[in-house]
Amino acid sequence: EQSTSYKTKKVLIFSKTNGFRHESIPAGIVAIKKLGQENHF
């Protein structure tokens, strides 16, 4: 139960832009998803 509770922590990335858009957004999403896989969220 403790493991499941920890692993089910969830974050939502929101990256909508209205104006200037950073080209780094896709790389940021990939990096944060990798962090999630490695750190159980």
PDB file of all heavy atoms in Angstrom:
ATOM      1  N   GLU A   1       0.828  -1.201   0.000  1.00  0.00           N
ATOM      2  CA  GLU A   1       0.000   0.000   0.000  1.00  0.00           C
ATOM      3  C   GLU A   1       0.865   1.254   0.000  1.00  0.00           C
ATOM      4  O   GLU A   1       0.590   2.213  -0.721  1.00  0.00           O
ATOM      5  CB  GLU A   1      -0.918  -0.006   1.233  1.00  0.00           C
ATOM      6  CG  GLU A   1      -2.042  -1.019   1.140  1.00  0.00           C
ATOM      7  CD  GLU A   1      -2.851  -1.079   2.424  1.00  0.00           C
ATOM      8  OE1 GLU A   1      -2.407  -0.538   3.452  1.00  0.00           O
ATOM      9  OE2 GLU A   1      -3.940  -1.670   2.383  1.00  0.00           O
ATOM     10  N   GLN A   2       1.947   1.242   0.812  1.00  0.00           N
ATOM     11  CA  GLN A   2       2.834   2.402   0.850  1.00  0.00           C
ATOM     12  C   GLN A   2       3.507   2.609  -0.497  1.00  0.00           C
ATOM     13  O   GLN A   2       3.616   3.728  -0.984  1.00  0.00           O
ATOM     14  CB  GLN A   2       3.883   2.203   1.944  1.00  0.00           C
ATOM     15  CG  GLN A   2       3.316   2.295   3.350  1.00  0.00           C
ATOM     16  CD  GLN A   2       4.359   1.999   4.401  1.00  0.00           C
ATOM     17  OE1 GLN A   2       5.394   1.421   4.123  1.00  0.00           O
ATOM     18  NE2 GLN A   2       4.075   2.402   5.635  1.00  0.00           N
ATOM     19  N   SER A   3       3.957   1.499  -1.103  1.00  0.00           N
ATOM     20  CA  SER A   3       4.622   1.581  -2.399  1.00  0.00           C
ATOM     21  C   SER A   3       3.669   2.091  -3.456  1.00  0.00           C
ATOM     22  O   SER A   3       3.994   2.960  -4.257  1.00  0.00           O
ATOM     23  CB  SER A   3       5.169   0.211  -2.791  1.00  0.00           C
ATOM     24  OG  SER A   3       5.720   0.246  -4.077  1.00  0.00           O
ATOM     25  N   THR A   4       2.435   1.562  -3.437  1.00  0.00           N
ATOM     26  CA  THR A   4       1.439   1.978  -4.419  1.00  0.00           C
ATOM     27  C   THR A   4       1.104   3.447  -4.248  1.00  0.00           C
ATOM     28  O   THR A   4       1.010   4.204  -5.201  1.00  0.00           O
ATOM     29  CB  THR A   4       0.158   1.130  -4.272  1.00  0.00           C
ATOM     30  OG1 THR A   4       0.502  -0.234  -4.473  1.00  0.00           O
ATOM     31  CG2 THR A   4      -0.879   1.544  -5.293  1.00  0.00           C
ATOM     32  N   SER A   5       0.952   3.874  -2.968  1.00  0.00           N
ATOM     33  CA  SER A   5       0.620   5.264  -2.695  1.00  0.00           C
ATOM     34  C   SER A   5       1.706   6.180  -3.239  1.00  0.00           C
ATOM     35  O   SER A   5       1.435   7.222  -3.811  1.00  0.00           O
ATOM     36  CB  SER A   5       0.455   5.460  -1.187  1.00  0.00           C
ATOM     37  OG  SER A   5       0.286   6.820  -0.884  1.00  0.00           O
ATOM     38  N   TYR A   6       2.980   5.773  -3.039  1.00  0.00           N
ATOM     39  CA  TYR A   6       4.086   6.605  -3.508  1.00  0.00           C
ATOM     40  C   TYR A   6       4.131   6.634  -5.030  1.00  0.00           C
ATOM     41  O   TYR A   6       4.252   7.680  -5.635  1.00  0.00           O
ATOM     42  CB  TYR A   6       5.393   6.046  -2.942  1.00  0.00           C
ATOM     43  CG  TYR A   6       6.608   6.814  -3.405  1.00  0.00           C
ATOM     44  CD1 TYR A   6       6.820   8.113  -2.970  1.00  0.00           C
ATOM     45  CD2 TYR A   6       7.520   6.256  -4.279  1.00  0.00           C
ATOM     46  CE1 TYR A   6       7.923   8.832  -3.379  1.00  0.00           C
ATOM     47  CE2 TYR A   6       8.625   6.966  -4.690  1.00  0.00           C
ATOM     48  CZ  TYR A   6       8.823   8.247  -4.231  1.00  0.00           C
ATOM     49  OH  TYR A   6       9.909   8.960  -4.658  1.00  0.00           O
ATOM     50  N   LYS A   7       3.983   5.459  -5.645  1.00  0.00           N
ATOM     51  CA  LYS A   7       4.123   5.382  -7.083  1.00  0.00           C
ATOM     52  C   LYS A   7       2.974   6.061  -7.819  1.00  0.00           C
ATOM     53  O   LYS A   7       3.110   6.401  -8.978  1.00  0.00           O
ATOM     54  CB  LYS A   7       4.235   3.920  -7.518  1.00  0.00           C
ATOM     55  CG  LYS A   7       5.583   3.289  -7.170  1.00  0.00           C
ATOM     56  CD  LYS A   7       5.696   1.866  -7.681  1.00  0.00           C
ATOM     57  CE  LYS A   7       7.058   1.276  -7.356  1.00  0.00           C
ATOM     58  NZ  LYS A   7       7.195  -0.112  -7.837  1.00  0.00           N
ATOM     59  N   THR A   8       1.833   6.241  -7.159  1.00  0.00           N
ATOM     60  CA  THR A   8       0.703   6.846  -7.848  1.00  0.00           C
ATOM     61  C   THR A   8       0.680   8.366  -7.704  1.00  0.00           C
ATOM     62  O   THR A   8      -0.276   8.996  -8.100  1.00  0.00           O
ATOM     63  CB  THR A   8      -0.629   6.269  -7.343  1.00  0.00           C
ATOM     64  OG1 THR A   8      -0.709   6.373  -5.919  1.00  0.00           O
ATOM     65  CG2 THR A   8      -0.774   4.816  -7.744  1.00  0.00           C
ATOM     66  N   LYS A   9       1.716   8.961  -7.129  1.00  0.00           N
ATOM     67  CA  LYS A   9       1.794  10.415  -7.149  1.00  0.00           C
ATOM     68  C   LYS A   9       1.909  10.863  -8.601  1.00  0.00           C
ATOM     69  O   LYS A   9       2.654  10.279  -9.385  1.00  0.00           O
ATOM     70  CB  LYS A   9       2.984  10.922  -6.332  1.00  0.00           C
ATOM     71  CG  LYS A   9       2.739  10.874  -4.835  1.00  0.00           C
ATOM     72  CD  LYS A   9       3.811  11.603  -4.069  1.00  0.00           C
ATOM     73  CE  LYS A   9       3.467  11.656  -2.584  1.00  0.00           C
ATOM     74  NZ  LYS A   9       4.488  12.381  -1.818  1.00  0.00           N
ATOM     75  N   LYS A  10       1.148  11.886  -8.941  1.00  0.00           N
ATOM     76  CA  LYS A  10       1.081  12.309 -10.333  1.00  0.00           C
ATOM     77  C   LYS A  10       1.304  13.808 -10.453  1.00  0.00           C
ATOM     78  O   LYS A  10       0.850  14.591  -9.606  1.00  0.00           O
ATOM     79  CB  LYS A  10      -0.283  11.944 -10.944  1.00  0.00           C
ATOM     80  CG  LYS A  10      -0.572  10.462 -10.996  1.00  0.00           C
ATOM     81  CD  LYS A  10      -1.935  10.180 -11.614  1.00  0.00           C
ATOM     82  CE  LYS A  10      -1.955  10.470 -13.097  1.00  0.00           C
ATOM     83  NZ  LYS A  10      -3.234  10.096 -13.733  1.00  0.00           N
ATOM     84  N   VAL A  11       1.973  14.193 -11.523  1.00  0.00           N
ATOM     85  CA  VAL A  11       2.141  15.607 -11.842  1.00  0.00           C
ATOM     86  C   VAL A  11       1.619  15.858 -13.252  1.00  0.00           C
ATOM     87  O   VAL A  11       1.655  14.971 -14.110  1.00  0.00           O
ATOM     88  CB  VAL A  11       3.606  16.066 -11.718  1.00  0.00           C
ATOM     89  CG1 VAL A  11       4.156  15.755 -10.337  1.00  0.00           C
ATOM     90  CG2 VAL A  11       4.473  15.415 -12.779  1.00  0.00           C
ATOM     91  N   LEU A  12       1.159  17.060 -13.470  1.00  0.00           N
ATOM     92  CA  LEU A  12       0.664  17.459 -14.792  1.00  0.00           C
ATOM     93  C   LEU A  12       1.521  18.584 -15.329  1.00  0.00           C
ATOM     94  O   LEU A  12       1.635  19.641 -14.709  1.00  0.00           O
ATOM     95  CB  LEU A  12      -0.793  17.918 -14.705  1.00  0.00           C
ATOM     96  CG  LEU A  12      -1.408  18.428 -16.020  1.00  0.00           C
ATOM     97  CD1 LEU A  12      -1.512  17.303 -17.051  1.00  0.00           C
ATOM     98  CD2 LEU A  12      -2.784  19.052 -15.766  1.00  0.00           C
ATOM     99  N   ILE A  13       2.141  18.364 -16.486  1.00  0.00           N
ATOM    100  CA  ILE A  13       2.880  19.422 -17.173  1.00  0.00           C
ATOM    101  C   ILE A  13       1.907  20.188 -18.060  1.00  0.00           C
ATOM    102  O   ILE A  13       1.192  19.598 -18.870  1.00  0.00           O
ATOM    103  CB  ILE A  13       4.002  18.849 -18.055  1.00  0.00           C
ATOM    104  CG1 ILE A  13       5.025  18.081 -17.215  1.00  0.00           C
ATOM    105  CG2 ILE A  13       4.694  19.963 -18.827  1.00  0.00           C
ATOM    106  CD1 ILE A  13       6.070  17.354 -18.053  1.00  0.00           C
ATOM    107  N   PHE A  14       1.913  21.503 -17.908  1.00  0.00           N
ATOM    108  CA  PHE A  14       1.085  22.374 -18.742  1.00  0.00           C
ATOM    109  C   PHE A  14       2.024  23.326 -19.472  1.00  0.00           C
ATOM    110  O   PHE A  14       2.789  24.055 -18.844  1.00  0.00           O
ATOM    111  CB  PHE A  14       0.095  23.150 -17.880  1.00  0.00           C
ATOM    112  CG  PHE A  14      -0.804  24.080 -18.644  1.00  0.00           C
ATOM    113  CD1 PHE A  14      -1.785  23.586 -19.489  1.00  0.00           C
ATOM    114  CD2 PHE A  14      -0.671  25.454 -18.514  1.00  0.00           C
ATOM    115  CE1 PHE A  14      -2.618  24.436 -20.200  1.00  0.00           C
ATOM    116  CE2 PHE A  14      -1.503  26.314 -19.210  1.00  0.00           C
ATOM    117  CZ  PHE A  14      -2.474  25.803 -20.059  1.00  0.00           C
ATOM    118  N   SER A  15       1.989  23.307 -20.796  1.00  0.00           N
ATOM    119  CA  SER A  15       2.970  24.085 -21.566  1.00  0.00           C
ATOM    120  C   SER A  15       2.327  24.874 -22.710  1.00  0.00           C
ATOM    121  O   SER A  15       2.961  25.107 -23.739  1.00  0.00           O
ATOM    122  CB  SER A  15       4.054  23.148 -22.123  1.00  0.00           C
ATOM    123  OG  SER A  15       3.478  22.103 -22.883  1.00  0.00           O
ATOM    124  N   LYS A  16       1.092  25.313 -22.502  1.00  0.00           N
ATOM    125  CA  LYS A  16       0.441  26.099 -23.545  1.00  0.00           C
ATOM    126  C   LYS A  16       1.072  27.488 -23.622  1.00  0.00           C
ATOM    127  O   LYS A  16       1.424  28.090 -22.599  1.00  0.00           O
ATOM    128  CB  LYS A  16      -1.055  26.229 -23.276  1.00  0.00           C
ATOM    129  CG  LYS A  16      -1.794  26.969 -24.385  1.00  0.00           C
ATOM    130  CD  LYS A  16      -3.296  26.940 -24.187  1.00  0.00           C
ATOM    131  CE  LYS A  16      -3.998  27.669 -25.330  1.00  0.00           C
ATOM    132  NZ  LYS A  16      -5.474  27.613 -25.214  1.00  0.00           N
ATOM    133  N   THR A  17       1.204  27.999 -24.835  1.00  0.00           N
ATOM    134  CA  THR A  17       1.767  29.336 -25.024  1.00  0.00           C
ATOM    135  C   THR A  17       0.822  30.185 -25.877  1.00  0.00           C
ATOM    136  O   THR A  17       0.137  29.684 -26.760  1.00  0.00           O
ATOM    137  CB  THR A  17       3.134  29.273 -25.719  1.00  0.00           C
ATOM    138  OG1 THR A  17       2.999  28.576 -26.968  1.00  0.00           O
ATOM    139  CG2 THR A  17       4.143  28.542 -24.863  1.00  0.00           C
ATOM    140  N   ASN A  18       0.808  31.471 -25.567  1.00  0.00           N
ATOM    141  CA  ASN A  18       0.035  32.437 -26.347  1.00  0.00           C
ATOM    142  C   ASN A  18       0.970  33.616 -26.610  1.00  0.00           C
ATOM    143  O   ASN A  18       1.022  34.576 -25.866  1.00  0.00           O
ATOM    144  CB  ASN A  18      -1.209  32.878 -25.586  1.00  0.00           C
ATOM    145  CG  ASN A  18      -2.078  33.835 -26.383  1.00  0.00           C
ATOM    146  OD1 ASN A  18      -1.856  34.046 -27.572  1.00  0.00           O
ATOM    147  ND2 ASN A  18      -3.070  34.417 -25.723  1.00  0.00           N
ATOM    148  N   GLY A  19       1.753  33.487 -27.663  1.00  0.00           N
ATOM    149  CA  GLY A  19       2.803  34.452 -27.948  1.00  0.00           C
ATOM    150  C   GLY A  19       4.088  33.697 -28.225  1.00  0.00           C
ATOM    151  O   GLY A  19       4.085  32.696 -28.940  1.00  0.00           O
ATOM    152  N   PHE A  20       5.188  34.149 -27.605  1.00  0.00           N
ATOM    153  CA  PHE A  20       6.464  33.476 -27.840  1.00  0.00           C
ATOM    154  C   PHE A  20       6.427  32.050 -27.314  1.00  0.00           C
ATOM    155  O   PHE A  20       5.893  31.787 -26.234  1.00  0.00           O
ATOM    156  CB  PHE A  20       7.614  34.234 -27.178  1.00  0.00           C
ATOM    157  CG  PHE A  20       8.956  33.626 -27.468  1.00  0.00           C
ATOM    158  CD1 PHE A  20       9.611  33.902 -28.659  1.00  0.00           C
ATOM    159  CD2 PHE A  20       9.551  32.754 -26.574  1.00  0.00           C
ATOM    160  CE1 PHE A  20      10.855  33.335 -28.944  1.00  0.00           C
ATOM    161  CE2 PHE A  20      10.791  32.181 -26.842  1.00  0.00           C
ATOM    162  CZ  PHE A  20      11.430  32.474 -28.041  1.00  0.00           C
ATOM    163  N   ARG A  21       7.007  31.127 -28.078  1.00  0.00           N
ATOM    164  CA  ARG A  21       7.060  29.723 -27.671  1.00  0.00           C
ATOM    165  C   ARG A  21       8.507  29.234 -27.664  1.00  0.00           C
ATOM    166  O   ARG A  21       9.220  29.362 -28.654  1.00  0.00           O
ATOM    167  CB  ARG A  21       6.223  28.862 -28.616  1.00  0.00           C
ATOM    168  CG  ARG A  21       6.217  27.385 -28.229  1.00  0.00           C
ATOM    169  CD  ARG A  21       5.282  26.574 -29.115  1.00  0.00           C
ATOM    170  NE  ARG A  21       5.276  25.186 -28.704  1.00  0.00           N
ATOM    171  CZ  ARG A  21       4.557  24.702 -27.716  1.00  0.00           C
ATOM    172  NH1 ARG A  21       3.751  25.509 -27.028  1.00  0.00           N
ATOM    173  NH2 ARG A  21       4.600  23.421 -27.383  1.00  0.00           N
ATOM    174  N   HIS A  22       8.914  28.658 -26.548  1.00  0.00           N
ATOM    175  CA  HIS A  22      10.271  28.137 -26.432  1.00  0.00           C
ATOM    176  C   HIS A  22      10.405  26.795 -27.141  1.00  0.00           C
ATOM    177  O   HIS A  22       9.591  25.886 -26.937  1.00  0.00           O
ATOM    178  CB  HIS A  22      10.662  27.992 -24.964  1.00  0.00           C
ATOM    179  CG  HIS A  22      11.052  29.275 -24.324  1.00  0.00           C
ATOM    180  ND1 HIS A  22      10.126  30.173 -23.815  1.00  0.00           N
ATOM    181  CD2 HIS A  22      12.274  29.845 -24.118  1.00  0.00           C
ATOM    182  CE1 HIS A  22      10.758  31.220 -23.317  1.00  0.00           C
ATOM    183  NE2 HIS A  22      12.065  31.047 -23.491  1.00  0.00           N
ATOM    184  N   GLU A  23      11.463  26.672 -27.929  1.00  0.00           N
ATOM    185  CA  GLU A  23      11.728  25.419 -28.635  1.00  0.00           C
ATOM    186  C   GLU A  23      12.131  24.295 -27.688  1.00  0.00           C
ATOM    187  O   GLU A  23      12.127  23.123 -28.073  1.00  0.00           O
ATOM    188  CB  GLU A  23      12.837  25.637 -29.673  1.00  0.00           C
ATOM    189  CG  GLU A  23      12.452  26.587 -30.805  1.00  0.00           C
ATOM    190  CD  GLU A  23      13.578  26.789 -31.796  1.00  0.00           C
ATOM    191  OE1 GLU A  23      14.693  26.249 -31.551  1.00  0.00           O
ATOM    192  OE2 GLU A  23      13.371  27.489 -32.806  1.00  0.00           O
ATOM    193  N   SER A  24      12.447  24.650 -26.456  1.00  0.00           N
ATOM    194  CA  SER A  24      12.914  23.651 -25.484  1.00  0.00           C
ATOM    195  C   SER A  24      11.778  22.883 -24.813  1.00  0.00           C
ATOM    196  O   SER A  24      12.038  21.934 -24.057  1.00  0.00           O
ATOM    197  CB  SER A  24      13.760  24.336 -24.411  1.00  0.00           C
ATOM    198  OG  SER A  24      12.995  25.311 -23.723  1.00  0.00           O
ATOM    199  N   ILE A  25      10.537  23.262 -25.073  1.00  0.00           N
ATOM    200  CA  ILE A  25       9.410  22.614 -24.383  1.00  0.00           C
ATOM    201  C   ILE A  25       9.394  21.097 -24.586  1.00  0.00           C
ATOM    202  O   ILE A  25       9.265  20.344 -23.615  1.00  0.00           O
ATOM    203  CB  ILE A  25       8.072  23.268 -24.785  1.00  0.00           C
ATOM    204  CG1 ILE A  25       7.956  24.662 -24.144  1.00  0.00           C
ATOM    205  CG2 ILE A  25       6.880  22.391 -24.370  1.00  0.00           C
ATOM    206  CD1 ILE A  25       6.750  25.463 -24.588  1.00  0.00           C
ATOM    207  N   PRO A  26       9.515  20.583 -25.824  1.00  0.00           N
ATOM    208  CA  PRO A  26       9.512  19.119 -25.984  1.00  0.00           C
ATOM    209  C   PRO A  26      10.635  18.438 -25.203  1.00  0.00           C
ATOM    210  O   PRO A  26      10.417  17.381 -24.596  1.00  0.00           O
ATOM    211  CB  PRO A  26       9.692  18.936 -27.493  1.00  0.00           C
ATOM    212  CG  PRO A  26       9.148  20.189 -28.095  1.00  0.00           C
ATOM    213  CD  PRO A  26       9.535  21.268 -27.138  1.00  0.00           C
ATOM    214  N   ALA A  27      11.820  19.030 -25.195  1.00  0.00           N
ATOM    215  CA  ALA A  27      12.933  18.449 -24.438  1.00  0.00           C
ATOM    216  C   ALA A  27      12.631  18.449 -22.943  1.00  0.00           C
ATOM    217  O   ALA A  27      12.989  17.502 -22.225  1.00  0.00           O
ATOM    218  CB  ALA A  27      14.219  19.217 -24.715  1.00  0.00           C
ATOM    219  N   GLY A  28      11.963  19.500 -22.477  1.00  0.00           N
ATOM    220  CA  GLY A  28      11.588  19.574 -21.067  1.00  0.00           C
ATOM    221  C   GLY A  28      10.593  18.492 -20.685  1.00  0.00           C
ATOM    222  O   GLY A  28      10.704  17.874 -19.618  1.00  0.00           O
ATOM    223  N   ILE A  29       9.630  18.244 -21.550  1.00  0.00           N
ATOM    224  CA  ILE A  29       8.636  17.199 -21.281  1.00  0.00           C
ATOM    225  C   ILE A  29       9.312  15.832 -21.207  1.00  0.00           C
ATOM    226  O   ILE A  29       9.049  15.036 -20.291  1.00  0.00           O
ATOM    227  CB  ILE A  29       7.532  17.210 -22.365  1.00  0.00           C
ATOM    228  CG1 ILE A  29       6.706  18.498 -22.255  1.00  0.00           C
ATOM    229  CG2 ILE A  29       6.630  15.981 -22.233  1.00  0.00           C
ATOM    230  CD1 ILE A  29       5.716  18.689 -23.389  1.00  0.00           C
ATOM    231  N   VAL A  30      10.201  15.562 -22.161  1.00  0.00           N
ATOM    232  CA  VAL A  30      10.925  14.286 -22.170  1.00  0.00           C
ATOM    233  C   VAL A  30      11.732  14.119 -20.880  1.00  0.00           C
ATOM    234  O   VAL A  30      11.714  13.051 -20.246  1.00  0.00           O
ATOM    235  CB  VAL A  30      11.845  14.181 -23.399  1.00  0.00           C
ATOM    236  CG1 VAL A  30      12.778  12.981 -23.279  1.00  0.00           C
ATOM    237  CG2 VAL A  30      11.011  14.078 -24.676  1.00  0.00           C
ATOM    238  N   ALA A  31      12.434  15.170 -20.477  1.00  0.00           N
ATOM    239  CA  ALA A  31      13.284  15.094 -19.280  1.00  0.00           C
ATOM    240  C   ALA A  31      12.464  14.853 -18.019  1.00  0.00           C
ATOM    241  O   ALA A  31      12.840  14.042 -17.161  1.00  0.00           O
ATOM    242  CB  ALA A  31      14.105  16.375 -19.149  1.00  0.00           C
ATOM    243  N   ILE A  32      11.339  15.551 -17.894  1.00  0.00           N
ATOM    244  CA  ILE A  32      10.521  15.401 -16.685  1.00  0.00           C
ATOM    245  C   ILE A  32       9.851  14.031 -16.651  1.00  0.00           C
ATOM    246  O   ILE A  32       9.730  13.405 -15.591  1.00  0.00           O
ATOM    247  CB  ILE A  32       9.488  16.541 -16.592  1.00  0.00           C
ATOM    248  CG1 ILE A  32      10.214  17.884 -16.406  1.00  0.00           C
ATOM    249  CG2 ILE A  32       8.524  16.313 -15.424  1.00  0.00           C
ATOM    250  CD1 ILE A  32       9.329  19.105 -16.558  1.00  0.00           C
ATOM    251  N   LYS A  33       9.434  13.527 -17.816  1.00  0.00           N
ATOM    252  CA  LYS A  33       8.871  12.176 -17.847  1.00  0.00           C
ATOM    253  C   LYS A  33       9.918  11.137 -17.454  1.00  0.00           C
ATOM    254  O   LYS A  33       9.607  10.150 -16.768  1.00  0.00           O
ATOM    255  CB  LYS A  33       8.294  11.874 -19.229  1.00  0.00           C
ATOM    256  CG  LYS A  33       6.982  12.591 -19.502  1.00  0.00           C
ATOM    257  CD  LYS A  33       6.328  12.120 -20.787  1.00  0.00           C
ATOM    258  CE  LYS A  33       4.931  12.711 -20.932  1.00  0.00           C
ATOM    259  NZ  LYS A  33       4.224  12.231 -22.138  1.00  0.00           N
ATOM    260  N   LYS A  34      11.150  11.356 -17.858  1.00  0.00           N
ATOM    261  CA  LYS A  34      12.240  10.449 -17.470  1.00  0.00           C
ATOM    262  C   LYS A  34      12.475  10.521 -15.965  1.00  0.00           C
ATOM    263  O   LYS A  34      12.687   9.488 -15.311  1.00  0.00           O
ATOM    264  CB  LYS A  34      13.510  10.812 -18.233  1.00  0.00           C
ATOM    265  CG  LYS A  34      14.669   9.843 -18.035  1.00  0.00           C
ATOM    266  CD  LYS A  34      15.805  10.177 -19.007  1.00  0.00           C
ATOM    267  CE  LYS A  34      16.944   9.166 -18.921  1.00  0.00           C
ATOM    268  NZ  LYS A  34      17.706   9.284 -17.672  1.00  0.00           N
ATOM    269  N   LEU A  35      12.424  11.714 -15.407  1.00  0.00           N
ATOM    270  CA  LEU A  35      12.543  11.860 -13.959  1.00  0.00           C
ATOM    271  C   LEU A  35      11.438  11.106 -13.245  1.00  0.00           C
ATOM    272  O   LEU A  35      11.658  10.487 -12.195  1.00  0.00           O
ATOM    273  CB  LEU A  35      12.497  13.342 -13.568  1.00  0.00           C
ATOM    274  CG  LEU A  35      13.734  14.185 -13.864  1.00  0.00           C
ATOM    275  CD1 LEU A  35      13.473  15.651 -13.522  1.00  0.00           C
ATOM    276  CD2 LEU A  35      14.944  13.666 -13.094  1.00  0.00           C
ATOM    277  N   GLY A  36      10.231  11.165 -13.799  1.00  0.00           N
ATOM    278  CA  GLY A  36       9.123  10.437 -13.207  1.00  0.00           C
ATOM    279  C   GLY A  36       9.360   8.939 -13.192  1.00  0.00           C
ATOM    280  O   GLY A  36       9.125   8.251 -12.188  1.00  0.00           O
ATOM    281  N   GLN A  37       9.851   8.416 -14.317  1.00  0.00           N
ATOM    282  CA  GLN A  37      10.130   6.980 -14.411  1.00  0.00           C
ATOM    283  C   GLN A  37      11.206   6.555 -13.412  1.00  0.00           C
ATOM    284  O   GLN A  37      11.121   5.488 -12.810  1.00  0.00           O
ATOM    285  CB  GLN A  37      10.571   6.630 -15.831  1.00  0.00           C
ATOM    286  CG  GLN A  37       9.467   6.774 -16.872  1.00  0.00           C
ATOM    287  CD  GLN A  37       9.986   6.640 -18.297  1.00  0.00           C
ATOM    288  OE1 GLN A  37      11.199   6.583 -18.531  1.00  0.00           O
ATOM    289  NE2 GLN A  37       9.077   6.594 -19.256  1.00  0.00           N
ATOM    290  N   GLU A  38      12.202   7.399 -13.240  1.00  0.00           N
ATOM    291  CA  GLU A  38      13.325   7.056 -12.374  1.00  0.00           C
ATOM    292  C   GLU A  38      13.026   7.288 -10.893  1.00  0.00           C
ATOM    293  O   GLU A  38      13.699   6.717 -10.024  1.00  0.00           O
ATOM    294  CB  GLU A  38      14.551   7.870 -12.772  1.00  0.00           C
ATOM    295  CG  GLU A  38      15.081   7.545 -14.165  1.00  0.00           C
ATOM    296  CD  GLU A  38      16.163   8.506 -14.635  1.00  0.00           C
ATOM    297  OE1 GLU A  38      16.335   9.574 -14.001  1.00  0.00           O
ATOM    298  OE2 GLU A  38      16.829   8.187 -15.639  1.00  0.00           O
ATOM    299  N   ASN A  39      12.031   8.122 -10.598  1.00  0.00           N
ATOM    300  CA  ASN A  39      11.761   8.507  -9.208  1.00  0.00           C
ATOM    301  C   ASN A  39      10.332   8.202  -8.768  1.00  0.00           C
ATOM    302  O   ASN A  39       9.858   8.732  -7.763  1.00  0.00           O
ATOM    303  CB  ASN A  39      12.078   9.998  -9.015  1.00  0.00           C
ATOM    304  CG  ASN A  39      13.547  10.296  -9.226  1.00  0.00           C
ATOM    305  OD1 ASN A  39      14.349  10.138  -8.323  1.00  0.00           O
ATOM    306  ND2 ASN A  39      13.912  10.719 -10.440  1.00  0.00           N
ATOM    307  N   HIS A  40       9.664   7.360  -9.527  1.00  0.00           N
ATOM    308  CA  HIS A  40       8.384   6.788  -9.120  1.00  0.00           C
ATOM    309  C   HIS A  40       7.257   7.805  -8.950  1.00  0.00           C
ATOM    310  O   HIS A  40       6.533   7.796  -7.959  1.00  0.00           O
ATOM    311  CB  HIS A  40       8.554   5.984  -7.822  1.00  0.00           C
ATOM    312  CG  HIS A  40       9.682   5.018  -7.857  1.00  0.00           C
ATOM    313  ND1 HIS A  40       9.720   3.927  -8.714  1.00  0.00           N
ATOM    314  CD2 HIS A  40      10.858   4.984  -7.173  1.00  0.00           C
ATOM    315  CE1 HIS A  40      10.845   3.268  -8.533  1.00  0.00           C
ATOM    316  NE2 HIS A  40      11.554   3.892  -7.621  1.00  0.00           N
ATOM    317  N   PHE A  41       7.120   8.701  -9.911  1.00  0.00           N
ATOM    318  CA  PHE A  41       5.901   9.499  -9.998  1.00  0.00           C
ATOM    319  C   PHE A  41       5.468   9.528 -11.456  1.00  0.00           C
ATOM    320  O   PHE A  41       6.274   9.392 -12.377  1.00  0.00           O
ATOM    321  CB  PHE A  41       6.069  10.907  -9.410  1.00  0.00           C
ATOM    322  CG  PHE A  41       7.142  11.754 -10.028  1.00  0.00           C
ATOM    323  CD1 PHE A  41       6.871  12.559 -11.137  1.00  0.00           C
ATOM    324  CD2 PHE A  41       8.419  11.793  -9.496  1.00  0.00           C
ATOM    325  CE1 PHE A  41       7.850  13.357 -11.710  1.00  0.00           C
ATOM    326  CE2 PHE A  41       9.412  12.587 -10.049  1.00  0.00           C
ATOM    327  CZ  PHE A  41       9.124  13.373 -11.154  1.00  0.00           C
TER     328      PHE A  41
END
